[in-house]
C-alpha cells in the first residue's frame, strides 16, 4: 500500500511540474498563478500546497527535474548508443569548423526548446542571488569538460596552450550567444534589428573558429 501511495505522490508531483513547464512556454513565471498550474495539470490547488510551500518552491524542483532528464539522456547514449530511443550513427570525425557549428546549433536548439524554463531560471537567480542553482553549475561544468575533450581532437589547429580554459571561453561565448532569446519575449525583438538565427549561427561559428585558431 505504501508503494502505491508513493507512486501516486510521484505522479501528482510530476503533473504539477509538467504543468508549470508547459505554462512557461507562453507566460512569464510572475504571471502564472497556483490556480493556473492546478488547472493546467488537472490537480487540486491543495495538492500543490501539499507538495510545495509556495509557487517559488516549484522552481528549484523544476530545474532539478530538467537536470535529471539530461542525465538520463547521457546515460542512455553511453549505455545503448541511442538518443531518445533513436540510434546515433556517428559519421566521420568533423573538422574543427564543423564541430564548432554543431556545438552552436546544439546550444541554439537547447535554448529554443527550453525558453520558458530558462527565463524562469533568470527570475529565480534574480530573486535568490546567493543561492547556487545545480542546473547552472552542473551543466556548465559538464559542457566545458565535453568541449575540452572535443578540442583535443584538433590540438594541432588550436593556438591556446590550455585547452580546458579555451573550452571555458568558448562555452561561455556559446551560452550568451542567444541570450536575447531568453531575456526578451519574441514580440520585443524586431525582425529588422535581429539577424536570422542561421546568420547568427554562421557568424558565431566564424568568431569562435578565429578565437581558437587565430585565423
N, C-alpha and C. Protein backbone atom coordinates (compact mmCIF):
# COMPACT_ATOMS: atom_id res chain seq x y z
N UNK A 1 0.83 -1.21 0.00
CA UNK A 1 0.00 0.00 0.00
C UNK A 1 0.86 1.26 0.00
N UNK A 2 1.97 1.19 0.74
CA UNK A 2 2.88 2.34 0.81
C UNK A 2 3.45 2.65 -0.57
N UNK A 3 3.80 1.60 -1.34
CA UNK A 3 4.35 1.81 -2.67
C UNK A 3 3.33 2.47 -3.60
N UNK A 4 2.07 2.04 -3.47
CA UNK A 4 1.01 2.64 -4.28
C UNK A 4 0.88 4.12 -3.96
N UNK A 5 0.94 4.45 -2.68
CA UNK A 5 0.84 5.85 -2.26
C UNK A 5 2.03 6.66 -2.77
N UNK A 6 3.21 6.07 -2.71
CA UNK A 6 4.41 6.76 -3.20
C UNK A 6 4.31 7.04 -4.69
N UNK A 7 3.80 6.06 -5.44
CA UNK A 7 3.64 6.26 -6.87
C UNK A 7 2.62 7.35 -7.17
N UNK A 8 1.55 7.38 -6.37
CA UNK A 8 0.53 8.41 -6.55
C UNK A 8 1.10 9.80 -6.27
N UNK A 9 1.88 9.90 -5.22
CA UNK A 9 2.51 11.18 -4.87
C UNK A 9 3.46 11.62 -5.98
N UNK A 10 4.26 10.68 -6.49
CA UNK A 10 5.21 10.99 -7.55
C UNK A 10 4.49 11.44 -8.82
N UNK A 11 3.38 10.79 -9.15
CA UNK A 11 2.61 11.16 -10.34
C UNK A 11 2.05 12.57 -10.20
N UNK A 12 1.53 12.88 -9.03
CA UNK A 12 0.97 14.21 -8.80
C UNK A 12 2.04 15.27 -8.89
N UNK A 13 3.18 15.00 -8.30
CA UNK A 13 4.30 15.94 -8.35
C UNK A 13 4.74 16.18 -9.79
N UNK A 14 4.80 15.12 -10.59
CA UNK A 14 5.18 15.24 -11.99
C UNK A 14 4.15 16.04 -12.76
N UNK A 15 2.87 15.83 -12.49
CA UNK A 15 1.83 16.61 -13.15
C UNK A 15 1.99 18.11 -12.86
N UNK A 16 2.32 18.42 -11.62
CA UNK A 16 2.47 19.82 -11.21
C UNK A 16 3.65 20.47 -11.94
N UNK A 17 4.78 19.78 -11.94
CA UNK A 17 5.98 20.34 -12.58
C UNK A 17 5.82 20.42 -14.10
N UNK A 18 5.21 19.39 -14.68
CA UNK A 18 4.98 19.40 -16.14
C UNK A 18 4.03 20.55 -16.51
N UNK A 19 3.03 20.78 -15.68
CA UNK A 19 2.09 21.86 -15.95
C UNK A 19 2.79 23.21 -15.92
N UNK A 20 3.64 23.42 -14.92
CA UNK A 20 4.38 24.69 -14.84
C UNK A 20 5.29 24.86 -16.05
N UNK A 21 5.98 23.81 -16.45
CA UNK A 21 6.87 23.91 -17.61
C UNK A 21 6.08 24.25 -18.87
N UNK A 22 4.91 23.66 -19.03
CA UNK A 22 4.07 23.95 -20.19
C UNK A 22 3.61 25.41 -20.19
N UNK A 23 3.22 25.89 -19.02
CA UNK A 23 2.75 27.28 -18.92
C UNK A 23 3.87 28.27 -19.20
N UNK A 24 5.09 27.90 -18.83
CA UNK A 24 6.23 28.79 -19.04
C UNK A 24 6.55 28.98 -20.52
N UNK A 25 6.01 28.13 -21.37
CA UNK A 25 6.24 28.28 -22.80
C UNK A 25 5.57 29.53 -23.36
N UNK A 26 4.52 29.99 -22.68
CA UNK A 26 3.78 31.14 -23.20
C UNK A 26 3.60 32.27 -22.20
N UNK A 27 3.97 32.04 -20.91
CA UNK A 27 3.76 33.07 -19.90
C UNK A 27 5.02 33.22 -19.04
N UNK A 28 5.23 34.42 -18.54
CA UNK A 28 6.32 34.65 -17.59
C UNK A 28 5.94 34.03 -16.24
N UNK A 29 6.96 33.62 -15.49
CA UNK A 29 6.71 32.97 -14.20
C UNK A 29 5.88 33.84 -13.28
N UNK A 30 6.17 35.14 -13.26
CA UNK A 30 5.43 36.04 -12.37
C UNK A 30 3.94 36.10 -12.70
N UNK A 31 3.59 35.83 -13.97
CA UNK A 31 2.20 35.93 -14.40
C UNK A 31 1.42 34.63 -14.20
N UNK A 32 2.10 33.58 -13.75
CA UNK A 32 1.46 32.28 -13.56
C UNK A 32 1.03 32.14 -12.10
N UNK A 33 -0.21 31.75 -11.88
CA UNK A 33 -0.71 31.56 -10.52
C UNK A 33 -0.77 30.08 -10.17
N UNK A 34 -0.90 29.80 -8.88
CA UNK A 34 -1.08 28.42 -8.44
C UNK A 34 -2.33 27.83 -9.08
N UNK A 35 -3.36 28.65 -9.20
CA UNK A 35 -4.61 28.17 -9.83
C UNK A 35 -4.37 27.80 -11.29
N UNK A 36 -3.54 28.58 -11.99
CA UNK A 36 -3.20 28.26 -13.38
C UNK A 36 -2.52 26.89 -13.47
N UNK A 37 -1.57 26.67 -12.56
CA UNK A 37 -0.83 25.40 -12.55
C UNK A 37 -1.76 24.24 -12.26
N UNK A 38 -2.65 24.43 -11.29
CA UNK A 38 -3.60 23.37 -10.93
C UNK A 38 -4.51 23.04 -12.11
N UNK A 39 -4.99 24.07 -12.77
CA UNK A 39 -5.89 23.87 -13.92
C UNK A 39 -5.15 23.17 -15.06
N UNK A 40 -3.93 23.61 -15.36
CA UNK A 40 -3.15 23.00 -16.43
C UNK A 40 -2.82 21.55 -16.14
N UNK A 41 -2.50 21.25 -14.88
CA UNK A 41 -2.09 19.89 -14.52
C UNK A 41 -3.23 18.97 -14.14
N UNK A 42 -4.44 19.52 -14.03
CA UNK A 42 -5.58 18.70 -13.65
C UNK A 42 -5.49 18.20 -12.22
N UNK A 43 -4.97 19.04 -11.34
CA UNK A 43 -4.85 18.69 -9.92
C UNK A 43 -5.52 19.77 -9.09
N UNK A 44 -5.76 19.47 -7.83
CA UNK A 44 -6.37 20.44 -6.93
C UNK A 44 -5.31 21.43 -6.44
N UNK A 45 -5.74 22.64 -6.16
CA UNK A 45 -4.82 23.64 -5.62
C UNK A 45 -4.20 23.13 -4.33
N UNK A 46 -4.99 22.47 -3.50
CA UNK A 46 -4.48 21.93 -2.24
C UNK A 46 -3.38 20.90 -2.45
N UNK A 47 -3.46 20.17 -3.55
CA UNK A 47 -2.43 19.17 -3.84
C UNK A 47 -1.08 19.84 -4.08
N UNK A 48 -1.10 21.00 -4.74
CA UNK A 48 0.15 21.72 -4.99
C UNK A 48 0.77 22.16 -3.68
N UNK A 49 -0.06 22.70 -2.78
CA UNK A 49 0.46 23.16 -1.50
C UNK A 49 0.89 22.01 -0.60
N UNK A 50 0.40 20.82 -0.86
CA UNK A 50 0.85 19.67 -0.07
C UNK A 50 2.23 19.19 -0.52
N UNK A 51 2.63 19.60 -1.73
CA UNK A 51 3.94 19.22 -2.26
C UNK A 51 4.95 20.36 -2.16
N UNK A 52 4.46 21.60 -2.27
CA UNK A 52 5.36 22.75 -2.31
C UNK A 52 4.82 23.86 -1.40
N UNK A 53 5.75 24.52 -0.72
CA UNK A 53 5.34 25.55 0.24
C UNK A 53 4.65 26.72 -0.46
N UNK A 54 5.18 27.12 -1.61
CA UNK A 54 4.59 28.21 -2.37
C UNK A 54 5.03 28.07 -3.83
N UNK A 55 4.62 29.01 -4.66
CA UNK A 55 4.92 28.92 -6.09
C UNK A 55 6.43 28.95 -6.34
N UNK A 56 7.15 29.79 -5.61
CA UNK A 56 8.60 29.90 -5.81
C UNK A 56 9.32 28.58 -5.53
N UNK A 57 8.76 27.77 -4.64
CA UNK A 57 9.40 26.50 -4.29
C UNK A 57 9.35 25.50 -5.45
N UNK A 58 8.51 25.76 -6.45
CA UNK A 58 8.45 24.86 -7.60
C UNK A 58 9.68 24.99 -8.49
N UNK A 59 10.29 26.17 -8.51
CA UNK A 59 11.37 26.41 -9.46
C UNK A 59 12.60 25.51 -9.23
N UNK A 60 13.13 25.41 -7.99
CA UNK A 60 14.28 24.50 -7.81
C UNK A 60 13.95 23.07 -8.22
N UNK A 61 12.73 22.62 -7.91
CA UNK A 61 12.32 21.26 -8.28
C UNK A 61 12.24 21.12 -9.80
N UNK A 62 11.80 22.18 -10.47
CA UNK A 62 11.71 22.15 -11.93
C UNK A 62 13.09 22.08 -12.55
N UNK A 63 14.05 22.83 -11.99
CA UNK A 63 15.41 22.80 -12.51
C UNK A 63 16.05 21.43 -12.28
N UNK A 64 15.83 20.86 -11.08
CA UNK A 64 16.38 19.53 -10.78
C UNK A 64 15.81 18.49 -11.75
N UNK A 65 14.54 18.62 -12.05
CA UNK A 65 13.87 17.70 -12.98
C UNK A 65 14.50 17.78 -14.36
N UNK A 66 14.85 19.00 -14.79
CA UNK A 66 15.47 19.19 -16.10
C UNK A 66 16.86 18.56 -16.12
N UNK A 67 17.63 18.73 -15.04
CA UNK A 67 18.95 18.12 -14.95
C UNK A 67 18.84 16.60 -15.02
N UNK A 68 17.85 16.04 -14.33
CA UNK A 68 17.66 14.59 -14.35
C UNK A 68 17.36 14.10 -15.75
N UNK A 69 16.59 14.85 -16.52
CA UNK A 69 16.27 14.45 -17.89
C UNK A 69 17.54 14.41 -18.73
N UNK A 70 18.39 15.40 -18.58
CA UNK A 70 19.63 15.43 -19.35
C UNK A 70 20.54 14.28 -18.94
N UNK A 71 20.64 14.04 -17.63
CA UNK A 71 21.47 12.93 -17.15
C UNK A 71 20.97 11.59 -17.69
N UNK A 72 19.65 11.43 -17.77
CA UNK A 72 19.08 10.20 -18.31
C UNK A 72 19.42 10.04 -19.79
N UNK A 73 19.42 11.15 -20.53
CA UNK A 73 19.76 11.08 -21.96
C UNK A 73 21.23 10.71 -22.15
N UNK A 74 22.08 11.29 -21.30
CA UNK A 74 23.51 10.96 -21.39
C UNK A 74 23.72 9.49 -21.06
N UNK A 75 23.07 9.01 -20.00
CA UNK A 75 23.21 7.61 -19.60
C UNK A 75 22.69 6.67 -20.70
N UNK A 76 21.60 7.06 -21.34
CA UNK A 76 21.04 6.26 -22.44
C UNK A 76 22.04 6.16 -23.58
N UNK A 77 22.68 7.29 -23.91
CA UNK A 77 23.64 7.29 -25.01
C UNK A 77 24.86 6.42 -24.67
N UNK A 78 25.36 6.57 -23.43
CA UNK A 78 26.54 5.80 -23.02
C UNK A 78 26.24 4.31 -23.01
N UNK A 79 25.06 3.94 -22.52
CA UNK A 79 24.73 2.52 -22.36
C UNK A 79 24.23 1.86 -23.63
N UNK A 80 23.42 2.60 -24.41
CA UNK A 80 22.76 1.98 -25.55
C UNK A 80 23.15 2.59 -26.90
N UNK A 81 23.85 3.73 -26.87
CA UNK A 81 24.19 4.38 -28.13
C UNK A 81 23.00 5.00 -28.81
N UNK A 82 21.96 5.32 -28.04
CA UNK A 82 20.76 5.94 -28.61
C UNK A 82 20.50 7.28 -27.93
N UNK A 83 19.78 8.15 -28.63
CA UNK A 83 19.33 9.42 -28.09
C UNK A 83 17.83 9.48 -28.26
N UNK A 84 17.10 9.51 -27.13
CA UNK A 84 15.63 9.46 -27.15
C UNK A 84 15.14 8.25 -27.94
N UNK A 85 15.84 7.12 -27.78
CA UNK A 85 15.42 5.88 -28.42
C UNK A 85 15.89 5.71 -29.85
N UNK A 86 16.47 6.76 -30.43
CA UNK A 86 16.94 6.71 -31.81
C UNK A 86 18.44 6.40 -31.84
N UNK A 87 18.83 5.45 -32.70
CA UNK A 87 20.24 5.08 -32.79
C UNK A 87 21.04 6.24 -33.35
N UNK A 88 22.12 6.57 -32.63
CA UNK A 88 23.01 7.64 -33.09
C UNK A 88 24.07 7.05 -33.99
N UNK A 89 24.10 7.48 -35.23
CA UNK A 89 25.09 6.98 -36.18
C UNK A 89 26.18 8.02 -36.35
N UNK A 90 27.32 7.75 -35.77
CA UNK A 90 28.43 8.70 -35.88
C UNK A 90 29.08 8.60 -37.25
N UNK A 91 29.25 9.74 -37.87
CA UNK A 91 29.93 9.75 -39.17
C UNK A 91 31.41 9.98 -38.98
N UNK A 92 32.05 10.48 -40.02
CA UNK A 92 33.46 10.80 -39.90
C UNK A 92 33.65 11.90 -38.87
N UNK A 93 34.80 11.91 -38.23
CA UNK A 93 35.10 12.97 -37.27
C UNK A 93 35.03 14.31 -37.98
N UNK A 94 34.18 15.24 -37.50
CA UNK A 94 34.05 16.52 -38.19
C UNK A 94 35.32 17.35 -38.02
N UNK A 95 35.55 18.24 -39.00
CA UNK A 95 36.69 19.14 -38.84
C UNK A 95 36.34 20.17 -37.77
N UNK A 96 37.30 21.01 -37.43
CA UNK A 96 37.11 21.93 -36.31
C UNK A 96 35.93 22.86 -36.55
N UNK A 97 35.82 23.40 -37.74
CA UNK A 97 34.70 24.30 -38.01
C UNK A 97 33.36 23.58 -37.87
N UNK A 98 33.27 22.37 -38.40
CA UNK A 98 32.03 21.61 -38.29
C UNK A 98 31.69 21.30 -36.84
N UNK A 99 32.72 20.97 -36.04
CA UNK A 99 32.48 20.69 -34.63
C UNK A 99 31.93 21.92 -33.90
N UNK A 100 32.53 23.09 -34.19
CA UNK A 100 32.06 24.32 -33.57
C UNK A 100 30.63 24.61 -33.98
N UNK A 101 30.34 24.47 -35.27
CA UNK A 101 28.99 24.75 -35.74
C UNK A 101 27.98 23.80 -35.10
N UNK A 102 28.32 22.52 -34.99
CA UNK A 102 27.43 21.56 -34.34
C UNK A 102 27.15 21.96 -32.89
N UNK A 103 28.19 22.42 -32.19
CA UNK A 103 28.03 22.83 -30.79
C UNK A 103 27.10 24.04 -30.69
N UNK A 104 27.27 25.00 -31.59
CA UNK A 104 26.44 26.20 -31.55
C UNK A 104 25.00 25.87 -31.93
N UNK A 105 24.82 24.99 -32.92
CA UNK A 105 23.46 24.59 -33.28
C UNK A 105 22.80 23.83 -32.12
N UNK A 106 23.59 23.01 -31.43
CA UNK A 106 23.04 22.31 -30.28
C UNK A 106 22.62 23.27 -29.18
N UNK A 107 23.44 24.30 -28.94
CA UNK A 107 23.09 25.31 -27.93
C UNK A 107 21.82 26.06 -28.35
N UNK A 108 21.74 26.39 -29.62
CA UNK A 108 20.55 27.09 -30.13
C UNK A 108 19.31 26.23 -29.95
N UNK A 109 19.42 24.95 -30.25
CA UNK A 109 18.28 24.05 -30.10
C UNK A 109 17.85 23.94 -28.63
N UNK A 110 18.83 23.82 -27.74
CA UNK A 110 18.52 23.74 -26.31
C UNK A 110 17.81 25.00 -25.84
N UNK A 111 18.27 26.15 -26.29
CA UNK A 111 17.65 27.41 -25.87
C UNK A 111 16.23 27.51 -26.38
N UNK A 112 16.02 27.25 -27.67
CA UNK A 112 14.69 27.40 -28.24
C UNK A 112 13.70 26.39 -27.67
N UNK A 113 14.17 25.22 -27.25
CA UNK A 113 13.28 24.21 -26.70
C UNK A 113 12.95 24.45 -25.23
N UNK A 114 13.72 25.29 -24.56
CA UNK A 114 13.53 25.49 -23.12
C UNK A 114 13.51 26.97 -22.76
N UNK A 115 12.95 27.80 -23.62
CA UNK A 115 12.95 29.24 -23.38
C UNK A 115 12.26 29.59 -22.06
N UNK A 116 11.09 29.04 -21.85
CA UNK A 116 10.34 29.36 -20.63
C UNK A 116 11.09 28.96 -19.38
N UNK A 117 11.66 27.77 -19.41
CA UNK A 117 12.42 27.28 -18.27
C UNK A 117 13.62 28.19 -17.99
N UNK A 118 14.30 28.62 -19.03
CA UNK A 118 15.49 29.46 -18.85
C UNK A 118 15.11 30.86 -18.38
N UNK A 119 13.98 31.37 -18.84
CA UNK A 119 13.53 32.67 -18.33
C UNK A 119 13.19 32.56 -16.84
N UNK A 120 12.58 31.44 -16.48
CA UNK A 120 12.25 31.22 -15.07
C UNK A 120 13.52 31.10 -14.23
N UNK A 121 14.55 30.50 -14.81
CA UNK A 121 15.82 30.38 -14.11
C UNK A 121 16.42 31.76 -13.84
N UNK A 122 16.35 32.65 -14.83
CA UNK A 122 16.85 34.01 -14.63
C UNK A 122 16.07 34.71 -13.53
N UNK A 123 14.76 34.50 -13.52
CA UNK A 123 13.92 35.09 -12.47
C UNK A 123 14.34 34.58 -11.10
N UNK A 124 14.55 33.27 -11.01
CA UNK A 124 14.93 32.67 -9.73
C UNK A 124 16.28 33.19 -9.27
N UNK A 125 17.23 33.31 -10.19
CA UNK A 125 18.55 33.83 -9.83
C UNK A 125 18.46 35.28 -9.37
N UNK A 126 17.58 36.03 -10.00
CA UNK A 126 17.42 37.43 -9.61
C UNK A 126 16.83 37.55 -8.21
N UNK A 127 15.86 36.68 -7.91
CA UNK A 127 15.21 36.73 -6.60
C UNK A 127 16.05 36.06 -5.51
N UNK A 128 16.95 35.17 -5.91
CA UNK A 128 17.77 34.43 -4.95
C UNK A 128 19.24 34.49 -5.39
N UNK A 129 19.86 35.68 -5.33
CA UNK A 129 21.21 35.84 -5.88
C UNK A 129 22.28 35.03 -5.18
N UNK A 130 22.04 34.64 -3.93
CA UNK A 130 23.06 33.92 -3.16
C UNK A 130 22.89 32.40 -3.19
N UNK A 131 21.86 31.93 -3.89
CA UNK A 131 21.58 30.50 -3.92
C UNK A 131 22.15 29.90 -5.20
N UNK A 132 22.97 28.87 -5.04
CA UNK A 132 23.52 28.19 -6.21
C UNK A 132 22.46 27.28 -6.82
N UNK A 133 22.31 27.34 -8.13
CA UNK A 133 21.34 26.50 -8.83
C UNK A 133 22.09 25.35 -9.50
N UNK A 134 21.82 24.12 -9.10
CA UNK A 134 22.54 22.98 -9.68
C UNK A 134 22.48 22.94 -11.20
N UNK A 135 21.38 23.37 -11.77
CA UNK A 135 21.24 23.36 -13.23
C UNK A 135 22.37 24.14 -13.89
N UNK A 136 22.72 25.28 -13.30
CA UNK A 136 23.76 26.12 -13.89
C UNK A 136 25.13 25.52 -13.68
N UNK A 137 25.45 25.19 -12.44
CA UNK A 137 26.81 24.73 -12.13
C UNK A 137 27.12 23.38 -12.76
N UNK A 138 26.19 22.43 -12.66
CA UNK A 138 26.46 21.09 -13.18
C UNK A 138 26.54 21.08 -14.70
N UNK A 139 25.53 21.64 -15.35
CA UNK A 139 25.53 21.62 -16.81
C UNK A 139 26.69 22.44 -17.37
N UNK A 140 27.05 23.51 -16.67
CA UNK A 140 28.18 24.31 -17.12
C UNK A 140 29.48 23.53 -17.06
N UNK A 141 29.72 22.84 -15.95
CA UNK A 141 30.95 22.05 -15.82
C UNK A 141 30.99 20.92 -16.83
N UNK A 142 29.86 20.24 -17.00
CA UNK A 142 29.81 19.12 -17.95
C UNK A 142 30.08 19.60 -19.37
N UNK A 143 29.51 20.75 -19.73
CA UNK A 143 29.69 21.28 -21.08
C UNK A 143 31.16 21.60 -21.35
N UNK A 144 31.83 22.18 -20.37
CA UNK A 144 33.23 22.53 -20.53
C UNK A 144 34.08 21.27 -20.69
N UNK A 145 33.82 20.25 -19.87
CA UNK A 145 34.60 19.01 -19.96
C UNK A 145 34.41 18.33 -21.31
N UNK A 146 33.18 18.28 -21.78
CA UNK A 146 32.89 17.65 -23.07
C UNK A 146 33.55 18.42 -24.21
N UNK A 147 33.48 19.74 -24.14
CA UNK A 147 34.06 20.56 -25.20
C UNK A 147 35.59 20.44 -25.20
N UNK A 148 36.19 20.41 -24.01
CA UNK A 148 37.64 20.26 -23.92
C UNK A 148 38.08 18.94 -24.55
N UNK A 149 37.30 17.89 -24.33
CA UNK A 149 37.61 16.58 -24.92
C UNK A 149 37.54 16.65 -26.44
N UNK A 150 36.57 17.40 -26.97
CA UNK A 150 36.46 17.55 -28.42
C UNK A 150 37.63 18.36 -28.98
N UNK A 151 38.05 19.38 -28.24
CA UNK A 151 39.14 20.23 -28.72
C UNK A 151 40.46 19.47 -28.81
N UNK A 152 40.64 18.46 -27.96
CA UNK A 152 41.89 17.68 -28.02
C UNK A 152 42.04 16.97 -29.35
N UNK A 153 40.93 16.71 -30.03
CA UNK A 153 40.99 16.05 -31.33
C UNK A 153 41.54 16.99 -32.41
N UNK A 154 41.59 18.28 -32.08
CA UNK A 154 42.06 19.27 -33.05
C UNK A 154 43.22 20.08 -32.44
N UNK A 155 44.00 19.42 -31.58
CA UNK A 155 45.06 20.08 -30.84
C UNK A 155 46.01 20.86 -31.74
N UNK A 156 46.35 20.31 -32.90
CA UNK A 156 47.35 20.95 -33.76
C UNK A 156 46.85 22.23 -34.42
N UNK A 157 45.53 22.47 -34.40
CA UNK A 157 44.97 23.67 -35.03
C UNK A 157 44.75 24.81 -34.04
N UNK A 158 44.79 24.49 -32.75
CA UNK A 158 44.41 25.47 -31.72
C UNK A 158 45.64 26.15 -31.15
N UNK A 159 45.58 27.47 -31.06
CA UNK A 159 46.76 28.23 -30.65
C UNK A 159 46.89 28.35 -29.13
N UNK A 160 45.86 27.98 -28.39
CA UNK A 160 45.89 28.14 -26.94
C UNK A 160 46.53 26.91 -26.29
N UNK A 161 47.41 27.15 -25.31
CA UNK A 161 48.07 26.03 -24.63
C UNK A 161 47.12 25.28 -23.70
N UNK A 162 46.24 26.01 -23.01
CA UNK A 162 45.32 25.41 -22.04
C UNK A 162 43.98 25.17 -22.72
N UNK A 163 43.75 23.93 -23.13
CA UNK A 163 42.51 23.61 -23.85
C UNK A 163 41.29 23.71 -22.95
N UNK A 164 41.48 23.41 -21.67
CA UNK A 164 40.35 23.49 -20.74
C UNK A 164 39.89 24.95 -20.61
N UNK A 165 40.85 25.86 -20.51
CA UNK A 165 40.50 27.28 -20.42
C UNK A 165 39.90 27.77 -21.73
N UNK A 166 40.41 27.27 -22.86
CA UNK A 166 39.83 27.63 -24.15
C UNK A 166 38.39 27.14 -24.24
N UNK A 167 38.15 25.92 -23.76
CA UNK A 167 36.80 25.36 -23.76
C UNK A 167 35.88 26.19 -22.86
N UNK A 168 36.42 26.68 -21.73
CA UNK A 168 35.62 27.52 -20.84
C UNK A 168 35.17 28.80 -21.56
N UNK A 169 36.11 29.42 -22.29
CA UNK A 169 35.79 30.65 -23.00
C UNK A 169 34.76 30.40 -24.10
N UNK A 170 34.96 29.32 -24.86
CA UNK A 170 34.02 29.01 -25.94
C UNK A 170 32.64 28.68 -25.37
N UNK A 171 32.61 27.90 -24.30
CA UNK A 171 31.34 27.54 -23.68
C UNK A 171 30.61 28.78 -23.18
N UNK A 172 31.36 29.69 -22.57
CA UNK A 172 30.75 30.93 -22.10
C UNK A 172 30.18 31.72 -23.27
N UNK A 173 30.95 31.83 -24.33
CA UNK A 173 30.52 32.59 -25.50
C UNK A 173 29.26 31.98 -26.11
N UNK A 174 29.26 30.67 -26.25
CA UNK A 174 28.10 29.99 -26.85
C UNK A 174 26.87 30.16 -25.96
N UNK A 175 27.07 30.15 -24.65
CA UNK A 175 25.94 30.28 -23.72
C UNK A 175 25.27 31.65 -23.82
N UNK A 176 26.06 32.68 -24.11
CA UNK A 176 25.46 34.01 -24.20
C UNK A 176 25.07 34.38 -25.62
N UNK A 177 25.39 33.52 -26.57
CA UNK A 177 25.14 33.84 -27.98
C UNK A 177 23.67 34.11 -28.26
N UNK A 178 22.79 33.38 -27.60
CA UNK A 178 21.36 33.53 -27.86
C UNK A 178 20.62 34.05 -26.62
N UNK A 179 21.35 34.81 -25.80
CA UNK A 179 20.78 35.30 -24.55
C UNK A 179 19.57 36.19 -24.77
N UNK A 180 19.55 36.94 -25.87
CA UNK A 180 18.41 37.82 -26.11
C UNK A 180 17.13 37.03 -26.30
N UNK A 181 17.24 35.80 -26.80
CA UNK A 181 16.07 34.96 -26.96
C UNK A 181 15.45 34.62 -25.60
N UNK A 182 16.31 34.52 -24.59
CA UNK A 182 15.84 34.18 -23.25
C UNK A 182 15.32 35.41 -22.52
N UNK A 183 16.06 36.50 -22.61
CA UNK A 183 15.73 37.70 -21.85
C UNK A 183 14.51 38.42 -22.42
N UNK A 184 14.41 38.46 -23.74
CA UNK A 184 13.33 39.21 -24.38
C UNK A 184 12.27 38.29 -24.96
N UNK A 185 11.01 38.56 -24.69
CA UNK A 185 9.96 37.82 -25.39
C UNK A 185 10.06 38.03 -26.88
N UNK A 186 9.58 37.09 -27.65
CA UNK A 186 9.71 37.17 -29.11
C UNK A 186 9.17 38.46 -29.68
N UNK A 187 8.06 38.94 -29.11
CA UNK A 187 7.44 40.15 -29.65
C UNK A 187 8.29 41.39 -29.44
N UNK A 188 9.23 41.33 -28.47
CA UNK A 188 10.04 42.51 -28.18
C UNK A 188 11.26 42.60 -29.08
N UNK A 189 11.53 41.56 -29.84
CA UNK A 189 12.71 41.54 -30.71
C UNK A 189 12.27 41.82 -32.15
N UNK A 190 12.65 42.98 -32.65
CA UNK A 190 12.24 43.36 -34.00
C UNK A 190 13.03 42.57 -35.04
N UNK A 191 12.29 42.00 -36.01
CA UNK A 191 12.95 41.21 -37.05
C UNK A 191 13.93 42.02 -37.87
N UNK A 192 13.67 43.33 -38.02
CA UNK A 192 14.57 44.14 -38.84
C UNK A 192 15.83 44.53 -38.08
N UNK A 193 15.88 44.28 -36.77
CA UNK A 193 17.05 44.59 -35.97
C UNK A 193 17.89 43.35 -35.68
N UNK A 194 17.25 42.22 -35.56
CA UNK A 194 17.96 40.99 -35.19
C UNK A 194 18.20 40.13 -36.42
N UNK A 195 19.44 39.73 -36.68
CA UNK A 195 19.70 38.83 -37.82
C UNK A 195 18.98 37.50 -37.62
N UNK A 196 18.81 36.77 -38.69
CA UNK A 196 18.18 35.46 -38.59
C UNK A 196 19.06 34.52 -37.77
N UNK A 197 18.46 33.49 -37.21
CA UNK A 197 19.22 32.53 -36.42
C UNK A 197 20.31 31.88 -37.26
N UNK A 198 20.02 31.60 -38.52
CA UNK A 198 21.01 30.95 -39.39
C UNK A 198 22.23 31.85 -39.59
N UNK A 199 21.99 33.14 -39.79
CA UNK A 199 23.10 34.08 -39.95
C UNK A 199 23.90 34.17 -38.65
N UNK A 200 23.21 34.20 -37.52
CA UNK A 200 23.90 34.26 -36.23
C UNK A 200 24.76 33.02 -36.00
N UNK A 201 24.23 31.86 -36.32
CA UNK A 201 24.99 30.62 -36.14
C UNK A 201 26.26 30.64 -36.98
N UNK A 202 26.14 31.05 -38.24
CA UNK A 202 27.30 31.12 -39.12
C UNK A 202 28.32 32.14 -38.61
N UNK A 203 27.82 33.28 -38.15
CA UNK A 203 28.72 34.33 -37.65
C UNK A 203 29.43 33.89 -36.37
N UNK A 204 28.68 33.33 -35.44
CA UNK A 204 29.28 32.85 -34.19
C UNK A 204 30.31 31.75 -34.46
N UNK A 205 30.01 30.89 -35.43
CA UNK A 205 30.95 29.83 -35.79
C UNK A 205 32.28 30.42 -36.24
N UNK A 206 32.22 31.43 -37.11
CA UNK A 206 33.44 32.06 -37.59
C UNK A 206 34.20 32.76 -36.47
N UNK A 207 33.50 33.40 -35.55
CA UNK A 207 34.14 34.11 -34.46
C UNK A 207 34.86 33.14 -33.52
N UNK A 208 34.20 32.02 -33.18
CA UNK A 208 34.81 31.04 -32.30
C UNK A 208 36.01 30.39 -32.98
N UNK A 209 35.87 30.10 -34.28
CA UNK A 209 36.98 29.50 -35.03
C UNK A 209 38.19 30.44 -35.01
N UNK A 210 37.95 31.72 -35.18
CA UNK A 210 39.05 32.69 -35.15
C UNK A 210 39.70 32.72 -33.77
N UNK A 211 38.89 32.68 -32.72
CA UNK A 211 39.44 32.68 -31.36
C UNK A 211 40.34 31.47 -31.13
N UNK A 212 39.93 30.31 -31.61
CA UNK A 212 40.68 29.08 -31.37
C UNK A 212 41.94 28.97 -32.22
N UNK A 213 41.85 29.41 -33.45
CA UNK A 213 42.95 29.20 -34.39
C UNK A 213 43.80 30.43 -34.65
N UNK A 214 43.24 31.60 -34.33
CA UNK A 214 43.95 32.85 -34.64
C UNK A 214 43.90 33.22 -36.10
N UNK A 215 43.08 32.52 -36.86
CA UNK A 215 42.98 32.79 -38.30
C UNK A 215 41.60 33.33 -38.65
